[in-house]
Amino acid sequence: MDDTDRELLRLLNRDARSPAAELARSLGVSRSTVQNRIDRLLADGVIAGFTVAPGQGHSPALIQAVVMIKLATGDSRQVIAKLKAMDEVETLTAVNGDFDFHLDIQVSSLPRLDEVLARIRRLPSVADTNTSICLNRFK
């Protein structure tokens, strides 16, 4: 990786949607050189992907919670499908022990958390839930 690659990464870090022609002008190289470098950085694993950074118009999820769900006996496929369809559910994991599922959920407010938990509790076969609000993430 040379200085041009490092500058290209800096520019992409600032705005990953920058057109190759604009990046080429900033770097003083051709558009095809920029594209070739991006392709190489992707192939080498230097760039893992491109992402979207939420702007000011985006309302971030302020509340993160962990919900443990215990099911009554029966087929869990319907509950899994309904949980997967919920926008607030970030991850759904089957676990062993006293509970059957572990959910990571994100919501914008405590009243919204209450609504989501009520929806979860009304799902067929849900026998019990246990919810903890995340105070801090360390990793």
C-alpha atoms as a PDB file:
ATOM      1  CA  MET A   1       0.000   0.000   0.000  1.00  0.00           C
ATOM      2  CA  ASP A   2       1.467   3.329  -1.022  1.00  0.00           C
ATOM      3  CA  ASP A   3       0.661   6.994  -0.325  1.00  0.00           C
ATOM      4  CA  THR A   4      -1.917   7.106  -3.130  1.00  0.00           C
ATOM      5  CA  ASP A   5      -3.756   4.128  -1.620  1.00  0.00           C
ATOM      6  CA  ARG A   6      -3.727   5.780   1.800  1.00  0.00           C
ATOM      7  CA  GLU A   7      -5.092   9.034   0.363  1.00  0.00           C
ATOM      8  CA  LEU A   8      -7.732   7.086  -1.571  1.00  0.00           C
ATOM      9  CA  LEU A   9      -8.799   5.371   1.658  1.00  0.00           C
ATOM     10  CA  ARG A  10      -8.968   8.732   3.420  1.00  0.00           C
ATOM     11  CA  LEU A  11     -11.202  10.139   0.676  1.00  0.00           C
ATOM     12  CA  LEU A  12     -13.441   7.061   0.693  1.00  0.00           C
ATOM     13  CA  ASN A  13     -13.651   7.215   4.469  1.00  0.00           C
ATOM     14  CA  ARG A  14     -14.968  10.751   4.182  1.00  0.00           C
ATOM     15  CA  ASP A  15     -17.509   9.835   1.458  1.00  0.00           C
ATOM     16  CA  ALA A  16     -17.673   6.262   0.159  1.00  0.00           C
ATOM     17  CA  ARG A  17     -20.082   7.380  -2.581  1.00  0.00           C
ATOM     18  CA  SER A  18     -17.576   9.711  -4.231  1.00  0.00           C
ATOM     19  CA  PRO A  19     -17.508   9.057  -7.988  1.00  0.00           C
ATOM     20  CA  ALA A  20     -14.307   7.496  -9.307  1.00  0.00           C
ATOM     21  CA  ALA A  21     -13.787  10.498 -11.606  1.00  0.00           C
ATOM     22  CA  GLU A  22     -13.905  12.878  -8.623  1.00  0.00           C
ATOM     23  CA  LEU A  23     -11.493  10.684  -6.654  1.00  0.00           C
ATOM     24  CA  ALA A  24      -9.179  10.563  -9.673  1.00  0.00           C
ATOM     25  CA  ARG A  25      -9.103  14.387  -9.900  1.00  0.00           C
ATOM     26  CA  SER A  26      -8.306  14.658  -6.186  1.00  0.00           C
ATOM     27  CA  LEU A  27      -5.514  12.097  -6.487  1.00  0.00           C
ATOM     28  CA  GLY A  28      -4.139  13.305  -9.824  1.00  0.00           C
ATOM     29  CA  VAL A  29      -4.569   9.903 -11.494  1.00  0.00           C
ATOM     30  CA  SER A  30      -6.936   8.431 -14.087  1.00  0.00           C
ATOM     31  CA  ARG A  31     -10.410   7.143 -13.273  1.00  0.00           C
ATOM     32  CA  SER A  32      -9.377   3.607 -14.293  1.00  0.00           C
ATOM     33  CA  THR A  33      -6.398   3.802 -11.913  1.00  0.00           C
ATOM     34  CA  VAL A  34      -8.757   4.674  -9.061  1.00  0.00           C
ATOM     35  CA  GLN A  35     -11.080   1.803  -9.969  1.00  0.00           C
ATOM     36  CA  ASN A  36      -8.174  -0.643 -10.240  1.00  0.00           C
ATOM     37  CA  ARG A  37      -6.844   0.454  -6.843  1.00  0.00           C
ATOM     38  CA  ILE A  38     -10.276   0.104  -5.222  1.00  0.00           C
ATOM     39  CA  ASP A  39     -10.661  -3.374  -6.750  1.00  0.00           C
ATOM     40  CA  ARG A  40      -7.213  -4.362  -5.452  1.00  0.00           C
ATOM     41  CA  LEU A  41      -7.885  -2.967  -1.958  1.00  0.00           C
ATOM     42  CA  LEU A  42     -11.137  -4.953  -1.874  1.00  0.00           C
ATOM     43  CA  ALA A  43      -9.412  -8.138  -3.075  1.00  0.00           C
ATOM     44  CA  ASP A  44      -6.624  -7.708  -0.511  1.00  0.00           C
ATOM     45  CA  GLY A  45      -9.146  -7.218   2.298  1.00  0.00           C
ATOM     46  CA  VAL A  46      -7.988  -3.658   3.027  1.00  0.00           C
ATOM     47  CA  ILE A  47     -11.526  -2.503   2.230  1.00  0.00           C
ATOM     48  CA  ALA A  48     -14.098  -4.875   3.706  1.00  0.00           C
ATOM     49  CA  GLY A  49     -17.128  -3.091   2.287  1.00  0.00           C
ATOM     50  CA  PHE A  50     -18.975   0.161   1.990  1.00  0.00           C
ATOM     51  CA  THR A  51     -21.485   1.428   4.520  1.00  0.00           C
ATOM     52  CA  VAL A  52     -23.965   4.185   5.179  1.00  0.00           C
ATOM     53  CA  ALA A  53     -23.435   6.705   7.964  1.00  0.00           C
ATOM     54  CA  PRO A  54     -26.743   8.026   9.338  1.00  0.00           C
ATOM     55  CA  GLY A  55     -27.205  11.747   8.807  1.00  0.00           C
ATOM     56  CA  GLN A  56     -28.999  14.398  10.832  1.00  0.00           C
ATOM     57  CA  GLY A  57     -32.387  13.373   9.445  1.00  0.00           C
ATOM     58  CA  HIS A  58     -31.959   9.869  10.878  1.00  0.00           C
ATOM     59  CA  SER A  59     -33.459   9.138  14.274  1.00  0.00           C
ATOM     60  CA  PRO A  60     -31.028   6.732  15.933  1.00  0.00           C
ATOM     61  CA  ALA A  61     -32.116   3.881  18.156  1.00  0.00           C
ATOM     62  CA  LEU A  62     -31.418   5.246  21.617  1.00  0.00           C
ATOM     63  CA  ILE A  63     -32.476   2.217  23.629  1.00  0.00           C
ATOM     64  CA  GLN A  64     -30.839  -1.170  23.235  1.00  0.00           C
ATOM     65  CA  ALA A  65     -32.214  -4.124  25.155  1.00  0.00           C
ATOM     66  CA  VAL A  66     -31.708  -7.850  25.528  1.00  0.00           C
ATOM     67  CA  VAL A  67     -34.875  -9.930  25.628  1.00  0.00           C
ATOM     68  CA  MET A  68     -34.879 -13.554  26.691  1.00  0.00           C
ATOM     69  CA  ILE A  69     -37.913 -15.548  25.532  1.00  0.00           C
ATOM     70  CA  LYS A  70     -39.249 -18.809  26.919  1.00  0.00           C
ATOM     71  CA  LEU A  71     -41.676 -20.706  24.716  1.00  0.00           C
ATOM     72  CA  ALA A  72     -44.483 -23.003  25.740  1.00  0.00           C
ATOM     73  CA  THR A  73     -44.354 -26.397  24.094  1.00  0.00           C
ATOM     74  CA  GLY A  74     -45.082 -26.421  20.392  1.00  0.00           C
ATOM     75  CA  ASP A  75     -43.631 -25.508  17.043  1.00  0.00           C
ATOM     76  CA  SER A  76     -41.338 -22.476  17.255  1.00  0.00           C
ATOM     77  CA  ARG A  77     -41.179 -21.769  13.500  1.00  0.00           C
ATOM     78  CA  GLN A  78     -44.131 -19.356  13.552  1.00  0.00           C
ATOM     79  CA  VAL A  79     -42.645 -17.377  16.465  1.00  0.00           C
ATOM     80  CA  ILE A  80     -39.243 -17.269  14.779  1.00  0.00           C
ATOM     81  CA  ALA A  81     -40.784 -15.950  11.548  1.00  0.00           C
ATOM     82  CA  LYS A  82     -42.696 -13.214  13.399  1.00  0.00           C
ATOM     83  CA  LEU A  83     -39.628 -12.164  15.426  1.00  0.00           C
ATOM     84  CA  LYS A  84     -37.447 -12.045  12.302  1.00  0.00           C
ATOM     85  CA  ALA A  85     -40.015  -9.774  10.647  1.00  0.00           C
ATOM     86  CA  MET A  86     -39.860  -7.197  13.458  1.00  0.00           C
ATOM     87  CA  ASP A  87     -37.725  -4.190  12.457  1.00  0.00           C
ATOM     88  CA  GLU A  88     -36.617  -3.642  16.059  1.00  0.00           C
ATOM     89  CA  VAL A  89     -35.039  -7.104  16.339  1.00  0.00           C
ATOM     90  CA  GLU A  90     -31.347  -6.822  15.469  1.00  0.00           C
ATOM     91  CA  THR A  91     -30.396 -10.423  16.279  1.00  0.00           C
ATOM     92  CA  LEU A  92     -32.377 -13.540  17.113  1.00  0.00           C
ATOM     93  CA  THR A  93     -30.469 -16.433  18.623  1.00  0.00           C
ATOM     94  CA  ALA A  94     -31.690 -19.823  19.827  1.00  0.00           C
ATOM     95  CA  VAL A  95     -30.098 -20.627  23.182  1.00  0.00           C
ATOM     96  CA  ASN A  96     -30.158 -23.432  25.714  1.00  0.00           C
ATOM     97  CA  GLY A  97     -30.993 -23.144  29.396  1.00  0.00           C
ATOM     98  CA  ASP A  98     -34.044 -21.588  31.031  1.00  0.00           C
ATOM     99  CA  PHE A  99     -34.937 -19.554  27.945  1.00  0.00           C
ATOM    100  CA  ASP A 100     -35.240 -20.546  24.284  1.00  0.00           C
ATOM    101  CA  PHE A 101     -34.298 -17.338  22.465  1.00  0.00           C
ATOM    102  CA  HIS A 102     -32.066 -14.315  22.980  1.00  0.00           C
ATOM    103  CA  LEU A 103     -33.014 -11.103  21.137  1.00  0.00           C
ATOM    104  CA  ASP A 104     -31.045  -7.905  20.743  1.00  0.00           C
ATOM    105  CA  ILE A 105     -33.499  -5.121  20.044  1.00  0.00           C
ATOM    106  CA  GLN A 106     -33.115  -1.411  19.331  1.00  0.00           C
ATOM    107  CA  VAL A 107     -35.834   1.189  19.776  1.00  0.00           C
ATOM    108  CA  SER A 108     -36.033   4.971  19.869  1.00  0.00           C
ATOM    109  CA  SER A 109     -37.683   5.367  23.287  1.00  0.00           C
ATOM    110  CA  LEU A 110     -38.886   3.598  26.412  1.00  0.00           C
ATOM    111  CA  PRO A 111     -42.554   3.809  25.343  1.00  0.00           C
ATOM    112  CA  ARG A 112     -41.534   2.169  22.046  1.00  0.00           C
ATOM    113  CA  LEU A 113     -39.711  -0.556  24.010  1.00  0.00           C
ATOM    114  CA  ASP A 114     -42.912  -1.172  25.975  1.00  0.00           C
ATOM    115  CA  GLU A 115     -44.899  -1.517  22.729  1.00  0.00           C
ATOM    116  CA  VAL A 116     -42.385  -3.956  21.222  1.00  0.00           C
ATOM    117  CA  LEU A 117     -42.296  -6.066  24.375  1.00  0.00           C
ATOM    118  CA  ALA A 118     -46.101  -6.202  24.418  1.00  0.00           C
ATOM    119  CA  ARG A 119     -46.080  -7.416  20.787  1.00  0.00           C
ATOM    120  CA  ILE A 120     -43.521 -10.083  21.646  1.00  0.00           C
ATOM    121  CA  ARG A 121     -45.504 -11.267  24.673  1.00  0.00           C
ATOM    122  CA  ARG A 122     -48.657 -11.628  22.553  1.00  0.00           C
ATOM    123  CA  LEU A 123     -46.960 -13.963  20.061  1.00  0.00           C
ATOM    124  CA  PRO A 124     -48.309 -17.511  20.094  1.00  0.00           C
ATOM    125  CA  SER A 125     -46.313 -19.919  22.261  1.00  0.00           C
ATOM    126  CA  VAL A 126     -44.458 -17.157  24.179  1.00  0.00           C
ATOM    127  CA  ALA A 127     -44.712 -18.232  27.806  1.00  0.00           C
ATOM    128  CA  ASP A 128     -42.286 -15.813  29.488  1.00  0.00           C
ATOM    129  CA  THR A 129     -39.866 -12.992  28.749  1.00  0.00           C
ATOM    130  CA  ASN A 130     -37.046 -11.344  30.654  1.00  0.00           C
ATOM    131  CA  THR A 131     -35.756  -7.961  29.471  1.00  0.00           C
ATOM    132  CA  SER A 132     -32.613  -6.040  30.345  1.00  0.00           C
ATOM    133  CA  ILE A 133     -31.844  -2.559  29.037  1.00  0.00           C
ATOM    134  CA  CYS A 134     -28.250  -2.165  27.870  1.00  0.00           C
ATOM    135  CA  LEU A 135     -26.452   0.567  29.797  1.00  0.00           C
ATOM    136  CA  ASN A 136     -23.014   0.328  28.176  1.00  0.00           C
ATOM    137  CA  ARG A 137     -21.254  -1.791  25.541  1.00  0.00           C
ATOM    138  CA  PHE A 138     -17.600  -2.594  26.042  1.00  0.00           C
ATOM    139  CA  LYS A 139     -16.889  -4.544  22.825  1.00  0.00           C
END
